[in-house]
Amino acid sequence: MQNLIGKVALVTGASSGIGRAFARRLGVDGYNLVVVGRRRDRLEELVAALPNVVVRPMVADLGTNAGVEAVANVCARENLTMLVNNAGVAHYMPFVELPANKASELLYVKVIAPTMLARAAAPGMVARGEGTIINVSGMLAFSGPAPIEQLPLRRAVYTGALAHIVALSQALHEEVKKSQGLRIQALCPGVVATEFHERQGLDLSAVPRM
């Protein structure tokens, strides 16, 4: 497949929510896109919605080693201007009730995938002297010490994964900050009005949402 040219962004979790919003905005801003998700029909909608740029859909499951490797290969091969590590998974459960396979999938999607995709993309960005890596975390990343009375629905594995993303972004920023033009950002939203909570069966209609 021929490499993309011009400004190129790869967005994971692009089939809905924050990732879809990123993809649409970047497309309007003239970025050619690699959009990654598990639902091809949703990715194809982005192709149709952004006719003025090249949108390459990539179906991949970042909850698996094979999916992470496939997307990492694209991150290393393309001359990415921007990488948006946004993919998420709705395994928001108490620690002792979280099945091992779901815990593993959550860690793959929110810890291993952003780490390995950034590792694949960063060398090329450093060599070119430009690039942006945006890692989507959340405000829960900072909630570890909070008393349970304040955050009774906080979940340990999910919170720990978000905290990893923030620490990774901060440490990586320090490592590469002397590389002119290279930026590392962590995005930490609060509760956002997307499909994420509905897919978990949570009714947040009474909660203020971004």
N, C-alpha and C. Protein backbone atom coordinates (compact mmCIF):
# COMPACT_ATOMS: atom_id res chain seq x y z
N MET A 1 0.85 -1.19 0.00
CA MET A 1 0.00 0.00 0.00
C MET A 1 0.88 1.24 0.00
N GLN A 2 0.62 2.16 -0.90
CA GLN A 2 1.44 3.36 -1.03
C GLN A 2 1.37 4.20 0.23
N ASN A 3 2.53 4.71 0.66
CA ASN A 3 2.57 5.54 1.85
C ASN A 3 1.82 6.85 1.62
N LEU A 4 1.25 7.38 2.71
CA LEU A 4 0.55 8.66 2.65
C LEU A 4 1.57 9.79 2.64
N ILE A 5 1.18 10.93 2.08
CA ILE A 5 2.07 12.08 2.02
C ILE A 5 1.38 13.29 2.64
N GLY A 6 2.15 14.38 2.83
CA GLY A 6 1.59 15.57 3.46
C GLY A 6 1.47 15.38 4.96
N LYS A 7 0.55 16.10 5.57
CA LYS A 7 0.29 15.95 7.00
C LYS A 7 -0.52 14.66 7.21
N VAL A 8 0.02 13.78 8.04
CA VAL A 8 -0.60 12.47 8.25
C VAL A 8 -0.83 12.24 9.73
N ALA A 9 -2.05 11.86 10.10
CA ALA A 9 -2.37 11.53 11.49
C ALA A 9 -2.93 10.12 11.56
N LEU A 10 -2.52 9.38 12.57
CA LEU A 10 -3.11 8.07 12.87
C LEU A 10 -3.89 8.20 14.17
N VAL A 11 -5.17 7.82 14.12
CA VAL A 11 -6.06 7.94 15.28
C VAL A 11 -6.61 6.57 15.63
N THR A 12 -6.39 6.13 16.86
CA THR A 12 -6.97 4.86 17.30
C THR A 12 -8.30 5.12 18.00
N GLY A 13 -9.16 4.10 17.99
CA GLY A 13 -10.49 4.29 18.56
C GLY A 13 -11.29 5.32 17.79
N ALA A 14 -11.09 5.32 16.46
CA ALA A 14 -11.67 6.38 15.62
C ALA A 14 -13.12 6.12 15.23
N SER A 15 -13.67 4.99 15.63
CA SER A 15 -15.02 4.66 15.18
C SER A 15 -16.11 5.35 15.99
N SER A 16 -15.75 5.96 17.14
CA SER A 16 -16.78 6.62 17.94
C SER A 16 -16.12 7.60 18.91
N GLY A 17 -16.95 8.42 19.55
CA GLY A 17 -16.52 9.25 20.66
C GLY A 17 -15.40 10.23 20.34
N ILE A 18 -14.45 10.34 21.27
CA ILE A 18 -13.37 11.29 21.16
C ILE A 18 -12.52 11.01 19.93
N GLY A 19 -12.24 9.75 19.65
CA GLY A 19 -11.42 9.41 18.49
C GLY A 19 -12.07 9.83 17.18
N ARG A 20 -13.36 9.62 17.08
CA ARG A 20 -14.08 10.04 15.88
C ARG A 20 -14.05 11.56 15.73
N ALA A 21 -14.20 12.28 16.85
CA ALA A 21 -14.14 13.74 16.81
C ALA A 21 -12.75 14.21 16.39
N PHE A 22 -11.71 13.57 16.90
CA PHE A 22 -10.35 13.90 16.48
C PHE A 22 -10.21 13.70 14.97
N ALA A 23 -10.65 12.55 14.47
CA ALA A 23 -10.48 12.24 13.05
C ALA A 23 -11.20 13.25 12.17
N ARG A 24 -12.42 13.59 12.53
CA ARG A 24 -13.18 14.55 11.72
C ARG A 24 -12.52 15.92 11.74
N ARG A 25 -12.07 16.38 12.90
CA ARG A 25 -11.43 17.69 12.98
C ARG A 25 -10.11 17.71 12.20
N LEU A 26 -9.31 16.67 12.36
CA LEU A 26 -8.03 16.62 11.65
C LEU A 26 -8.24 16.55 10.14
N GLY A 27 -9.26 15.80 9.72
CA GLY A 27 -9.57 15.74 8.30
C GLY A 27 -9.96 17.10 7.75
N VAL A 28 -10.79 17.82 8.50
CA VAL A 28 -11.18 19.18 8.08
C VAL A 28 -9.97 20.09 8.01
N ASP A 29 -9.00 19.86 8.89
CA ASP A 29 -7.79 20.67 8.93
C ASP A 29 -6.75 20.25 7.88
N GLY A 30 -7.10 19.26 7.04
CA GLY A 30 -6.23 18.90 5.93
C GLY A 30 -5.29 17.74 6.17
N TYR A 31 -5.45 17.03 7.27
CA TYR A 31 -4.62 15.86 7.52
C TYR A 31 -5.13 14.66 6.72
N ASN A 32 -4.24 13.93 6.07
CA ASN A 32 -4.57 12.59 5.61
C ASN A 32 -4.55 11.67 6.83
N LEU A 33 -5.40 10.65 6.81
CA LEU A 33 -5.66 9.90 8.04
C LEU A 33 -5.51 8.40 7.87
N VAL A 34 -5.00 7.77 8.92
CA VAL A 34 -5.18 6.34 9.14
C VAL A 34 -6.09 6.23 10.35
N VAL A 35 -7.29 5.69 10.16
CA VAL A 35 -8.26 5.60 11.25
C VAL A 35 -8.39 4.14 11.67
N VAL A 36 -8.16 3.89 12.95
CA VAL A 36 -8.10 2.53 13.47
C VAL A 36 -9.28 2.27 14.39
N GLY A 37 -9.91 1.13 14.22
CA GLY A 37 -11.01 0.74 15.08
C GLY A 37 -11.40 -0.70 14.80
N ARG A 38 -12.41 -1.17 15.50
CA ARG A 38 -12.86 -2.56 15.32
C ARG A 38 -14.10 -2.67 14.45
N ARG A 39 -14.73 -1.52 14.13
CA ARG A 39 -15.97 -1.56 13.35
C ARG A 39 -15.74 -0.91 11.98
N ARG A 40 -15.63 -1.76 10.98
CA ARG A 40 -15.31 -1.26 9.64
C ARG A 40 -16.38 -0.31 9.13
N ASP A 41 -17.65 -0.58 9.43
CA ASP A 41 -18.70 0.29 8.91
C ASP A 41 -18.55 1.71 9.43
N ARG A 42 -18.17 1.86 10.70
CA ARG A 42 -17.97 3.19 11.27
C ARG A 42 -16.77 3.88 10.63
N LEU A 43 -15.72 3.13 10.37
CA LEU A 43 -14.53 3.70 9.74
C LEU A 43 -14.83 4.14 8.31
N GLU A 44 -15.64 3.36 7.62
CA GLU A 44 -16.00 3.72 6.24
C GLU A 44 -16.85 4.99 6.22
N GLU A 45 -17.61 5.23 7.28
CA GLU A 45 -18.37 6.48 7.37
C GLU A 45 -17.43 7.68 7.38
N LEU A 46 -16.28 7.55 8.02
CA LEU A 46 -15.30 8.63 8.02
C LEU A 46 -14.73 8.85 6.63
N VAL A 47 -14.52 7.77 5.90
CA VAL A 47 -14.04 7.90 4.52
C VAL A 47 -15.02 8.75 3.71
N ALA A 48 -16.31 8.44 3.86
CA ALA A 48 -17.34 9.18 3.11
C ALA A 48 -17.50 10.62 3.60
N ALA A 49 -17.28 10.84 4.89
CA ALA A 49 -17.50 12.16 5.48
C ALA A 49 -16.36 13.14 5.20
N LEU A 50 -15.20 12.60 4.77
CA LEU A 50 -14.02 13.45 4.56
C LEU A 50 -13.47 13.24 3.15
N PRO A 51 -14.22 13.69 2.14
CA PRO A 51 -13.83 13.42 0.76
C PRO A 51 -12.62 14.22 0.28
N ASN A 52 -12.23 15.26 1.00
CA ASN A 52 -11.14 16.13 0.54
C ASN A 52 -9.76 15.69 1.02
N VAL A 53 -9.71 14.63 1.82
CA VAL A 53 -8.43 14.08 2.27
C VAL A 53 -8.46 12.58 2.07
N VAL A 54 -7.28 11.97 2.15
CA VAL A 54 -7.20 10.51 2.06
C VAL A 54 -7.44 9.93 3.45
N VAL A 55 -8.42 9.05 3.56
CA VAL A 55 -8.72 8.39 4.83
C VAL A 55 -8.56 6.88 4.62
N ARG A 56 -7.59 6.32 5.29
CA ARG A 56 -7.33 4.87 5.16
C ARG A 56 -7.88 4.17 6.40
N PRO A 57 -8.96 3.39 6.26
CA PRO A 57 -9.49 2.66 7.41
C PRO A 57 -8.64 1.43 7.71
N MET A 58 -8.44 1.16 8.98
CA MET A 58 -7.67 -0.02 9.40
C MET A 58 -8.41 -0.70 10.53
N VAL A 59 -8.94 -1.87 10.26
CA VAL A 59 -9.62 -2.65 11.29
C VAL A 59 -8.58 -3.42 12.09
N ALA A 60 -8.52 -3.16 13.38
CA ALA A 60 -7.55 -3.82 14.25
C ALA A 60 -8.08 -3.84 15.67
N ASP A 61 -7.78 -4.92 16.39
CA ASP A 61 -8.19 -5.06 17.78
C ASP A 61 -6.96 -4.82 18.66
N LEU A 62 -6.90 -3.65 19.29
CA LEU A 62 -5.75 -3.32 20.12
C LEU A 62 -5.77 -4.03 21.47
N GLY A 63 -6.76 -4.87 21.68
CA GLY A 63 -6.78 -5.72 22.86
C GLY A 63 -6.01 -7.01 22.66
N THR A 64 -5.36 -7.14 21.50
CA THR A 64 -4.59 -8.34 21.19
C THR A 64 -3.17 -7.95 20.77
N ASN A 65 -2.24 -8.87 20.95
CA ASN A 65 -0.86 -8.64 20.54
C ASN A 65 -0.77 -8.44 19.04
N ALA A 66 -1.53 -9.24 18.27
CA ALA A 66 -1.50 -9.11 16.81
C ALA A 66 -1.99 -7.74 16.37
N GLY A 67 -3.05 -7.24 17.00
CA GLY A 67 -3.58 -5.93 16.64
C GLY A 67 -2.60 -4.83 16.95
N VAL A 68 -1.96 -4.88 18.11
CA VAL A 68 -0.97 -3.87 18.48
C VAL A 68 0.20 -3.89 17.50
N GLU A 69 0.69 -5.07 17.16
CA GLU A 69 1.82 -5.18 16.24
C GLU A 69 1.46 -4.63 14.86
N ALA A 70 0.26 -4.92 14.38
CA ALA A 70 -0.14 -4.45 13.06
C ALA A 70 -0.17 -2.93 12.98
N VAL A 71 -0.74 -2.30 14.01
CA VAL A 71 -0.83 -0.84 14.00
C VAL A 71 0.55 -0.23 14.25
N ALA A 72 1.35 -0.85 15.11
CA ALA A 72 2.71 -0.35 15.34
C ALA A 72 3.53 -0.35 14.06
N ASN A 73 3.34 -1.37 13.23
CA ASN A 73 4.06 -1.42 11.96
C ASN A 73 3.70 -0.23 11.07
N VAL A 74 2.43 0.16 11.09
CA VAL A 74 2.02 1.34 10.31
C VAL A 74 2.63 2.61 10.90
N CYS A 75 2.65 2.70 12.24
CA CYS A 75 3.25 3.87 12.90
C CYS A 75 4.72 4.02 12.53
N ALA A 76 5.42 2.91 12.40
CA ALA A 76 6.83 2.96 12.07
C ALA A 76 7.06 3.24 10.59
N ARG A 77 6.14 2.79 9.74
CA ARG A 77 6.33 2.91 8.29
C ARG A 77 5.94 4.27 7.75
N GLU A 78 4.85 4.83 8.25
CA GLU A 78 4.35 6.11 7.73
C GLU A 78 5.10 7.28 8.36
N ASN A 79 5.20 8.36 7.62
CA ASN A 79 5.78 9.59 8.15
C ASN A 79 4.70 10.36 8.90
N LEU A 80 4.39 9.90 10.09
CA LEU A 80 3.28 10.49 10.84
C LEU A 80 3.62 11.88 11.35
N THR A 81 2.69 12.80 11.14
CA THR A 81 2.76 14.12 11.76
C THR A 81 2.18 14.07 13.16
N MET A 82 1.17 13.21 13.34
CA MET A 82 0.48 13.12 14.63
C MET A 82 0.01 11.70 14.87
N LEU A 83 0.16 11.25 16.13
CA LEU A 83 -0.40 10.00 16.60
C LEU A 83 -1.34 10.31 17.74
N VAL A 84 -2.60 9.86 17.62
CA VAL A 84 -3.58 10.04 18.69
C VAL A 84 -3.91 8.67 19.27
N ASN A 85 -3.37 8.39 20.45
CA ASN A 85 -3.64 7.14 21.15
C ASN A 85 -4.92 7.32 21.97
N ASN A 86 -6.04 6.95 21.38
CA ASN A 86 -7.33 7.23 22.01
C ASN A 86 -8.12 5.97 22.36
N ALA A 87 -7.82 4.84 21.77
CA ALA A 87 -8.66 3.65 21.91
C ALA A 87 -8.94 3.34 23.38
N GLY A 88 -10.17 2.90 23.64
CA GLY A 88 -10.57 2.52 24.99
C GLY A 88 -11.40 1.25 24.97
N VAL A 89 -11.64 0.71 26.14
CA VAL A 89 -12.45 -0.50 26.25
C VAL A 89 -13.27 -0.39 27.53
N ALA A 90 -14.50 -0.88 27.47
CA ALA A 90 -15.46 -0.66 28.57
C ALA A 90 -15.46 -1.80 29.57
N HIS A 91 -14.31 -2.05 30.20
CA HIS A 91 -14.24 -3.06 31.26
C HIS A 91 -14.04 -2.34 32.59
N TYR A 92 -15.05 -1.58 32.97
CA TYR A 92 -14.99 -0.75 34.17
C TYR A 92 -15.67 -1.50 35.30
N MET A 93 -14.89 -2.39 35.96
CA MET A 93 -15.47 -3.30 36.95
C MET A 93 -14.63 -3.33 38.21
N PRO A 94 -15.24 -3.72 39.36
CA PRO A 94 -14.46 -3.87 40.59
C PRO A 94 -13.32 -4.87 40.41
N PHE A 95 -12.22 -4.64 41.10
CA PHE A 95 -11.00 -5.44 40.91
C PHE A 95 -11.25 -6.93 41.09
N VAL A 96 -11.96 -7.32 42.14
CA VAL A 96 -12.13 -8.74 42.43
C VAL A 96 -13.17 -9.39 41.53
N GLU A 97 -13.93 -8.58 40.79
CA GLU A 97 -14.94 -9.12 39.88
C GLU A 97 -14.50 -9.08 38.41
N LEU A 98 -13.39 -8.43 38.14
CA LEU A 98 -12.93 -8.26 36.76
C LEU A 98 -12.28 -9.56 36.27
N PRO A 99 -12.89 -10.23 35.27
CA PRO A 99 -12.30 -11.46 34.76
C PRO A 99 -10.89 -11.23 34.22
N ALA A 100 -10.05 -12.24 34.32
CA ALA A 100 -8.65 -12.09 33.91
C ALA A 100 -8.54 -11.70 32.45
N ASN A 101 -9.40 -12.28 31.58
CA ASN A 101 -9.29 -11.95 30.15
C ASN A 101 -9.69 -10.51 29.88
N LYS A 102 -10.64 -9.98 30.65
CA LYS A 102 -11.02 -8.58 30.46
C LYS A 102 -9.98 -7.64 31.04
N ALA A 103 -9.35 -8.03 32.14
CA ALA A 103 -8.26 -7.23 32.70
C ALA A 103 -7.11 -7.15 31.70
N SER A 104 -6.79 -8.28 31.09
CA SER A 104 -5.72 -8.32 30.09
C SER A 104 -6.06 -7.44 28.90
N GLU A 105 -7.30 -7.51 28.42
CA GLU A 105 -7.70 -6.69 27.27
C GLU A 105 -7.60 -5.20 27.61
N LEU A 106 -8.05 -4.83 28.80
CA LEU A 106 -7.98 -3.44 29.23
C LEU A 106 -6.54 -2.95 29.27
N LEU A 107 -5.64 -3.76 29.80
CA LEU A 107 -4.24 -3.37 29.87
C LEU A 107 -3.60 -3.29 28.49
N TYR A 108 -4.00 -4.17 27.60
CA TYR A 108 -3.49 -4.09 26.23
C TYR A 108 -3.91 -2.79 25.57
N VAL A 109 -5.20 -2.45 25.70
CA VAL A 109 -5.74 -1.29 24.99
C VAL A 109 -5.22 0.01 25.57
N LYS A 110 -5.14 0.11 26.91
CA LYS A 110 -4.84 1.40 27.55
C LYS A 110 -3.40 1.52 28.04
N VAL A 111 -2.63 0.44 28.07
CA VAL A 111 -1.23 0.51 28.52
C VAL A 111 -0.28 0.06 27.42
N ILE A 112 -0.44 -1.18 26.96
CA ILE A 112 0.50 -1.72 25.98
C ILE A 112 0.37 -1.00 24.64
N ALA A 113 -0.85 -0.83 24.15
CA ALA A 113 -1.03 -0.21 22.82
C ALA A 113 -0.46 1.21 22.76
N PRO A 114 -0.86 2.14 23.65
CA PRO A 114 -0.29 3.48 23.53
C PRO A 114 1.22 3.51 23.70
N THR A 115 1.74 2.64 24.55
CA THR A 115 3.20 2.58 24.74
C THR A 115 3.90 2.12 23.48
N MET A 116 3.43 1.03 22.90
CA MET A 116 4.10 0.44 21.74
C MET A 116 3.88 1.26 20.48
N LEU A 117 2.73 1.90 20.33
CA LEU A 117 2.50 2.74 19.15
C LEU A 117 3.37 4.00 19.22
N ALA A 118 3.47 4.58 20.41
CA ALA A 118 4.35 5.74 20.57
C ALA A 118 5.80 5.35 20.32
N ARG A 119 6.19 4.17 20.82
CA ARG A 119 7.56 3.70 20.61
C ARG A 119 7.85 3.51 19.13
N ALA A 120 6.85 3.07 18.37
CA ALA A 120 7.04 2.87 16.93
C ALA A 120 7.09 4.18 16.17
N ALA A 121 6.29 5.17 16.59
CA ALA A 121 6.19 6.43 15.86
C ALA A 121 7.29 7.42 16.21
N ALA A 122 7.75 7.42 17.46
CA ALA A 122 8.65 8.46 17.95
C ALA A 122 9.99 8.53 17.22
N PRO A 123 10.65 7.43 16.90
CA PRO A 123 11.94 7.55 16.23
C PRO A 123 11.88 8.33 14.92
N GLY A 124 10.87 8.08 14.10
CA GLY A 124 10.72 8.81 12.86
C GLY A 124 10.44 10.27 13.09
N MET A 125 9.61 10.58 14.10
CA MET A 125 9.31 11.97 14.42
C MET A 125 10.57 12.70 14.88
N VAL A 126 11.38 12.04 15.72
CA VAL A 126 12.62 12.64 16.20
C VAL A 126 13.57 12.89 15.03
N ALA A 127 13.66 11.91 14.13
CA ALA A 127 14.55 12.06 12.97
C ALA A 127 14.12 13.21 12.07
N ARG A 128 12.80 13.41 11.95
CA ARG A 128 12.30 14.50 11.11
C ARG A 128 12.23 15.83 11.85
N GLY A 129 12.39 15.78 13.19
CA GLY A 129 12.36 17.00 13.98
C GLY A 129 10.98 17.59 14.16
N GLU A 130 9.94 16.81 13.96
CA GLU A 130 8.59 17.31 14.17
C GLU A 130 7.64 16.15 14.41
N GLY A 131 6.55 16.46 15.08
CA GLY A 131 5.53 15.45 15.33
C GLY A 131 4.85 15.68 16.66
N THR A 132 3.65 15.15 16.79
CA THR A 132 2.87 15.26 18.02
C THR A 132 2.30 13.90 18.38
N ILE A 133 2.45 13.51 19.63
CA ILE A 133 1.80 12.30 20.14
C ILE A 133 0.84 12.73 21.24
N ILE A 134 -0.43 12.44 21.03
CA ILE A 134 -1.47 12.77 22.01
C ILE A 134 -1.98 11.47 22.62
N ASN A 135 -1.82 11.33 23.92
CA ASN A 135 -2.27 10.15 24.64
C ASN A 135 -3.51 10.49 25.45
N VAL A 136 -4.62 9.84 25.14
CA VAL A 136 -5.88 10.16 25.81
C VAL A 136 -6.00 9.33 27.09
N SER A 137 -6.00 10.03 28.22
CA SER A 137 -6.16 9.43 29.53
C SER A 137 -7.50 9.89 30.10
N GLY A 138 -7.52 10.39 31.31
CA GLY A 138 -8.76 10.86 31.93
C GLY A 138 -8.47 11.39 33.31
N MET A 139 -9.40 12.16 33.86
CA MET A 139 -9.19 12.75 35.18
C MET A 139 -9.04 11.70 36.28
N LEU A 140 -9.57 10.51 36.05
CA LEU A 140 -9.42 9.45 37.05
C LEU A 140 -7.96 9.05 37.25
N ALA A 141 -7.08 9.43 36.32
CA ALA A 141 -5.66 9.13 36.47
C ALA A 141 -5.09 9.72 37.76
N PHE A 142 -5.71 10.78 38.26
CA PHE A 142 -5.21 11.47 39.45
C PHE A 142 -6.00 11.11 40.71
N SER A 143 -6.85 10.09 40.63
CA SER A 143 -7.78 9.80 41.72
C SER A 143 -7.30 8.73 42.68
N GLY A 144 -6.10 8.20 42.47
CA GLY A 144 -5.63 7.10 43.30
C GLY A 144 -5.75 7.32 44.79
N PRO A 145 -5.30 8.46 45.33
CA PRO A 145 -5.35 8.67 46.79
C PRO A 145 -6.71 9.07 47.33
N ALA A 146 -7.70 9.33 46.48
CA ALA A 146 -8.99 9.84 46.96
C ALA A 146 -9.71 8.80 47.80
N PRO A 147 -10.34 9.21 48.93
CA PRO A 147 -11.10 8.27 49.75
C PRO A 147 -12.24 7.64 48.96
N ILE A 148 -12.58 6.42 49.29
CA ILE A 148 -13.63 5.70 48.58
C ILE A 148 -14.97 6.42 48.71
N GLU A 149 -15.16 7.17 49.81
CA GLU A 149 -16.42 7.89 50.00
C GLU A 149 -16.60 8.97 48.93
N GLN A 150 -15.50 9.52 48.44
CA GLN A 150 -15.58 10.56 47.42
C GLN A 150 -15.79 9.98 46.03
N LEU A 151 -15.19 8.83 45.77
CA LEU A 151 -15.29 8.21 44.43
C LEU A 151 -15.63 6.72 44.59
N PRO A 152 -16.86 6.42 44.98
CA PRO A 152 -17.22 5.02 45.25
C PRO A 152 -17.20 4.13 44.01
N LEU A 153 -17.34 4.72 42.82
CA LEU A 153 -17.38 3.90 41.60
C LEU A 153 -16.04 3.82 40.89
N ARG A 154 -15.00 4.38 41.49
CA ARG A 154 -13.67 4.30 40.87
C ARG A 154 -13.21 2.83 40.80
N ARG A 155 -12.53 2.45 39.70
CA ARG A 155 -12.10 1.07 39.51
C ARG A 155 -10.58 1.02 39.36
N ALA A 156 -9.94 0.10 40.10
CA ALA A 156 -8.49 0.12 40.28
C ALA A 156 -7.73 -0.09 38.97
N VAL A 157 -8.11 -1.09 38.17
CA VAL A 157 -7.34 -1.38 36.95
C VAL A 157 -7.49 -0.25 35.94
N TYR A 158 -8.71 0.23 35.78
CA TYR A 158 -8.94 1.32 34.84
C TYR A 158 -8.19 2.58 35.28
N THR A 159 -8.28 2.91 36.56
CA THR A 159 -7.58 4.09 37.09
C THR A 159 -6.07 3.95 36.92
N GLY A 160 -5.54 2.77 37.22
CA GLY A 160 -4.11 2.54 37.07
C GLY A 160 -3.65 2.66 35.63
N ALA A 161 -4.47 2.20 34.70
CA ALA A 161 -4.12 2.30 33.29
C ALA A 161 -4.06 3.76 32.84
N LEU A 162 -5.03 4.56 33.29
CA LEU A 162 -5.02 5.98 32.94
C LEU A 162 -3.81 6.69 33.56
N ALA A 163 -3.45 6.32 34.77
CA ALA A 163 -2.28 6.92 35.42
C ALA A 163 -1.00 6.58 34.66
N HIS A 164 -0.92 5.37 34.13
CA HIS A 164 0.24 5.00 33.31
C HIS A 164 0.36 5.92 32.10
N ILE A 165 -0.76 6.22 31.47
CA ILE A 165 -0.72 7.07 30.27
C ILE A 165 -0.17 8.45 30.61
N VAL A 166 -0.60 9.00 31.74
CA VAL A 166 -0.11 10.32 32.14
C VAL A 166 1.39 10.27 32.44
N ALA A 167 1.82 9.28 33.22
CA ALA A 167 3.23 9.18 33.57
C ALA A 167 4.08 8.93 32.33
N LEU A 168 3.61 8.10 31.42
CA LEU A 168 4.32 7.85 30.17
C LEU A 168 4.50 9.15 29.40
N SER A 169 3.43 9.92 29.29
CA SER A 169 3.48 11.17 28.53
C SER A 169 4.45 12.16 29.17
N GLN A 170 4.41 12.26 30.49
CA GLN A 170 5.29 13.20 31.18
C GLN A 170 6.76 12.80 31.02
N ALA A 171 7.06 11.52 31.22
CA ALA A 171 8.44 11.08 31.12
C ALA A 171 8.95 11.16 29.68
N LEU A 172 8.09 10.80 28.72
CA LEU A 172 8.50 10.87 27.32
C LEU A 172 8.74 12.31 26.90
N HIS A 173 7.92 13.22 27.39
CA HIS A 173 8.14 14.64 27.11
C HIS A 173 9.54 15.06 27.56
N GLU A 174 9.94 14.64 28.75
CA GLU A 174 11.26 15.01 29.26
C GLU A 174 12.37 14.41 28.39
N GLU A 175 12.17 13.19 27.91
CA GLU A 175 13.19 12.54 27.08
C GLU A 175 13.38 13.24 25.75
N VAL A 176 12.30 13.72 25.14
CA VAL A 176 12.39 14.22 23.76
C VAL A 176 12.22 15.72 23.65
N LYS A 177 12.13 16.46 24.75
CA LYS A 177 11.81 17.88 24.67
C LYS A 177 12.88 18.69 23.95
N LYS A 178 14.10 18.17 23.85
CA LYS A 178 15.14 18.88 23.11
C LYS A 178 15.03 18.66 21.61
N SER A 179 14.17 17.73 21.18
CA SER A 179 13.94 17.51 19.75
C SER A 179 13.02 18.61 19.24
N GLN A 180 13.52 19.48 18.42
CA GLN A 180 12.76 20.65 17.99
C GLN A 180 11.46 20.25 17.30
N GLY A 181 10.36 20.80 17.78
CA GLY A 181 9.07 20.58 17.14
C GLY A 181 8.33 19.35 17.60
N LEU A 182 8.96 18.48 18.39
CA LEU A 182 8.28 17.26 18.83
C LEU A 182 7.53 17.52 20.13
N ARG A 183 6.22 17.21 20.14
CA ARG A 183 5.38 17.48 21.30
C ARG A 183 4.72 16.20 21.79
N ILE A 184 4.65 16.05 23.11
CA ILE A 184 3.95 14.94 23.74
C ILE A 184 2.87 15.53 24.63
N GLN A 185 1.64 15.09 24.44
CA GLN A 185 0.53 15.65 25.21
C GLN A 185 -0.30 14.52 25.82
N ALA A 186 -0.80 14.77 27.03
CA ALA A 186 -1.78 13.88 27.65
C ALA A 186 -3.10 14.63 27.75
N LEU A 187 -4.14 14.02 27.24
CA LEU A 187 -5.48 14.61 27.31
C LEU A 187 -6.24 13.91 28.42
N CYS A 188 -6.74 14.68 29.38
CA CYS A 188 -7.39 14.12 30.56
C CYS A 188 -8.80 14.69 30.72
N PRO A 189 -9.75 14.22 29.94
CA PRO A 189 -11.12 14.73 30.07
C PRO A 189 -11.81 14.16 31.29
N GLY A 190 -12.91 14.82 31.65
CA GLY A 190 -13.79 14.27 32.67
C GLY A 190 -14.77 13.32 32.00
N VAL A 191 -16.00 13.28 32.50
CA VAL A 191 -17.03 12.42 31.91
C VAL A 191 -17.49 13.05 30.59
N VAL A 192 -17.41 12.30 29.52
CA VAL A 192 -17.71 12.81 28.18
C VAL A 192 -18.97 12.13 27.65
N ALA A 193 -19.78 12.88 26.94
CA ALA A 193 -21.03 12.34 26.37
C ALA A 193 -20.72 11.54 25.12
N THR A 194 -20.34 10.28 25.31
CA THR A 194 -20.09 9.35 24.19
C THR A 194 -20.84 8.05 24.47
N GLU A 195 -20.62 7.06 23.61
CA GLU A 195 -21.27 5.75 23.78
C GLU A 195 -20.63 4.93 24.89
N PHE A 196 -19.47 5.36 25.38
CA PHE A 196 -18.66 4.53 26.28
C PHE A 196 -19.43 4.03 27.49
N HIS A 197 -20.13 4.94 28.18
CA HIS A 197 -20.82 4.54 29.40
C HIS A 197 -22.08 3.73 29.11
N GLU A 198 -22.78 4.10 28.03
CA GLU A 198 -23.98 3.34 27.66
C GLU A 198 -23.64 1.88 27.38
N ARG A 199 -22.48 1.66 26.75
CA ARG A 199 -22.07 0.28 26.44
C ARG A 199 -21.77 -0.52 27.70
N GLN A 200 -21.54 0.17 28.82
CA GLN A 200 -21.33 -0.52 30.09
C GLN A 200 -22.62 -0.67 30.88
N GLY A 201 -23.73 -0.14 30.32
CA GLY A 201 -25.00 -0.20 31.01
C GLY A 201 -25.15 0.82 32.11
N LEU A 202 -24.34 1.91 32.04
CA LEU A 202 -24.40 2.95 33.06
C LEU A 202 -25.30 4.09 32.60
N ASP A 203 -26.20 4.49 33.46
CA ASP A 203 -27.09 5.62 33.17
C ASP A 203 -26.50 6.87 33.81
N LEU A 204 -25.90 7.72 32.98
CA LEU A 204 -25.30 8.95 33.48
C LEU A 204 -26.07 10.18 33.01
N SER A 205 -27.36 9.98 32.74
CA SER A 205 -28.17 11.08 32.21
C SER A 205 -28.27 12.24 33.20
N ALA A 206 -28.12 11.97 34.51
CA ALA A 206 -28.21 13.04 35.51
C ALA A 206 -26.86 13.66 35.83
N VAL A 207 -25.79 13.16 35.20
CA VAL A 207 -24.44 13.63 35.48
C VAL A 207 -24.03 14.63 34.40
N PRO A 208 -23.52 15.81 34.80
CA PRO A 208 -23.02 16.75 33.79
C PRO A 208 -21.88 16.11 33.00
N ARG A 209 -21.95 16.21 31.66
CA ARG A 209 -20.95 15.57 30.82
C ARG A 209 -20.39 16.56 29.81
N MET A 210 -19.11 16.36 29.49
CA MET A 210 -18.48 17.19 28.46
C MET A 210 -19.02 16.77 27.09
